[in-house]
C-alpha atoms as a PDB file:
ATOM      1  CA  UNK A   1      81.327  15.699 116.925  1.00  0.00           C
ATOM      2  CA  UNK A   2      84.611  17.218 118.075  1.00  0.00           C
ATOM      3  CA  UNK A   3      85.827  17.431 114.488  1.00  0.00           C
ATOM      4  CA  UNK A   4      82.749  19.389 113.543  1.00  0.00           C
ATOM      5  CA  UNK A   5      83.340  22.078 116.166  1.00  0.00           C
ATOM      6  CA  UNK A   6      86.977  22.254 115.146  1.00  0.00           C
ATOM      7  CA  UNK A   7      86.031  22.783 111.530  1.00  0.00           C
ATOM      8  CA  UNK A   8      83.430  25.336 112.546  1.00  0.00           C
ATOM      9  CA  UNK A   9      85.932  27.350 114.539  1.00  0.00           C
ATOM     10  CA  UNK A  10      88.371  27.186 111.629  1.00  0.00           C
ATOM     11  CA  UNK A  11      85.715  28.472 109.257  1.00  0.00           C
ATOM     12  CA  UNK A  12      84.787  31.210 111.705  1.00  0.00           C
ATOM     13  CA  UNK A  13      88.414  32.248 111.984  1.00  0.00           C
ATOM     14  CA  UNK A  14      88.729  32.269 108.229  1.00  0.00           C
ATOM     15  CA  UNK A  15      85.582  34.367 107.803  1.00  0.00           C
ATOM     16  CA  UNK A  16      86.738  36.794 110.462  1.00  0.00           C
ATOM     17  CA  UNK A  17      90.098  37.158 108.755  1.00  0.00           C
ATOM     18  CA  UNK A  18      88.423  37.722 105.420  1.00  0.00           C
ATOM     19  CA  UNK A  19      86.021  40.324 106.753  1.00  0.00           C
ATOM     20  CA  UNK A  20      88.883  42.122 108.500  1.00  0.00           C
ATOM     21  CA  UNK A  21      90.902  42.126 105.298  1.00  0.00           C
ATOM     22  CA  UNK A  22      87.929  43.431 103.364  1.00  0.00           C
ATOM     23  CA  UNK A  23      87.403  46.137 105.940  1.00  0.00           C
ATOM     24  CA  UNK A  24      91.053  47.164 105.815  1.00  0.00           C
ATOM     25  CA  UNK A  25      91.016  47.275 102.016  1.00  0.00           C
ATOM     26  CA  UNK A  26      87.799  49.260 102.048  1.00  0.00           C
ATOM     27  CA  UNK A  27      89.135  51.762 104.566  1.00  0.00           C
ATOM     28  CA  UNK A  28      92.371  52.123 102.616  1.00  0.00           C
ATOM     29  CA  UNK A  29      90.446  52.814  99.438  1.00  0.00           C
ATOM     30  CA  UNK A  30      88.208  55.279 101.242  1.00  0.00           C
ATOM     31  CA  UNK A  31      91.252  56.970 102.736  1.00  0.00           C
ATOM     32  CA  UNK A  32      92.939  57.250  99.355  1.00  0.00           C
ATOM     33  CA  UNK A  33      89.735  58.573  97.825  1.00  0.00           C
ATOM     34  CA  UNK A  34      89.429  61.205 100.545  1.00  0.00           C
ATOM     35  CA  UNK A  35      93.039  62.198 100.040  1.00  0.00           C
ATOM     36  CA  UNK A  36      92.579  62.701  96.319  1.00  0.00           C
ATOM     37  CA  UNK A  37      89.431  64.723  96.951  1.00  0.00           C
ATOM     38  CA  UNK A  38      91.263  66.872  99.495  1.00  0.00           C
ATOM     39  CA  UNK A  39      94.159  67.332  97.093  1.00  0.00           C
ATOM     40  CA  UNK A  40      91.732  68.494  94.425  1.00  0.00           C
ATOM     41  CA  UNK A  41      90.273  71.021  96.829  1.00  0.00           C
ATOM     42  CA  UNK A  42      93.701  72.328  97.700  1.00  0.00           C
ATOM     43  CA  UNK A  43      94.441  73.407  94.161  1.00  0.00           C
END
């Protein structure tokens, strides 16, 4: 029973990490995209 909760928390941590990483990557991409768009507008 204890092992199960431990595994669950580990999985939750892993999922949280993954979602955070995905979010960071997504935001970075969005940021880069916005920058290129802004650069295009500048010229």
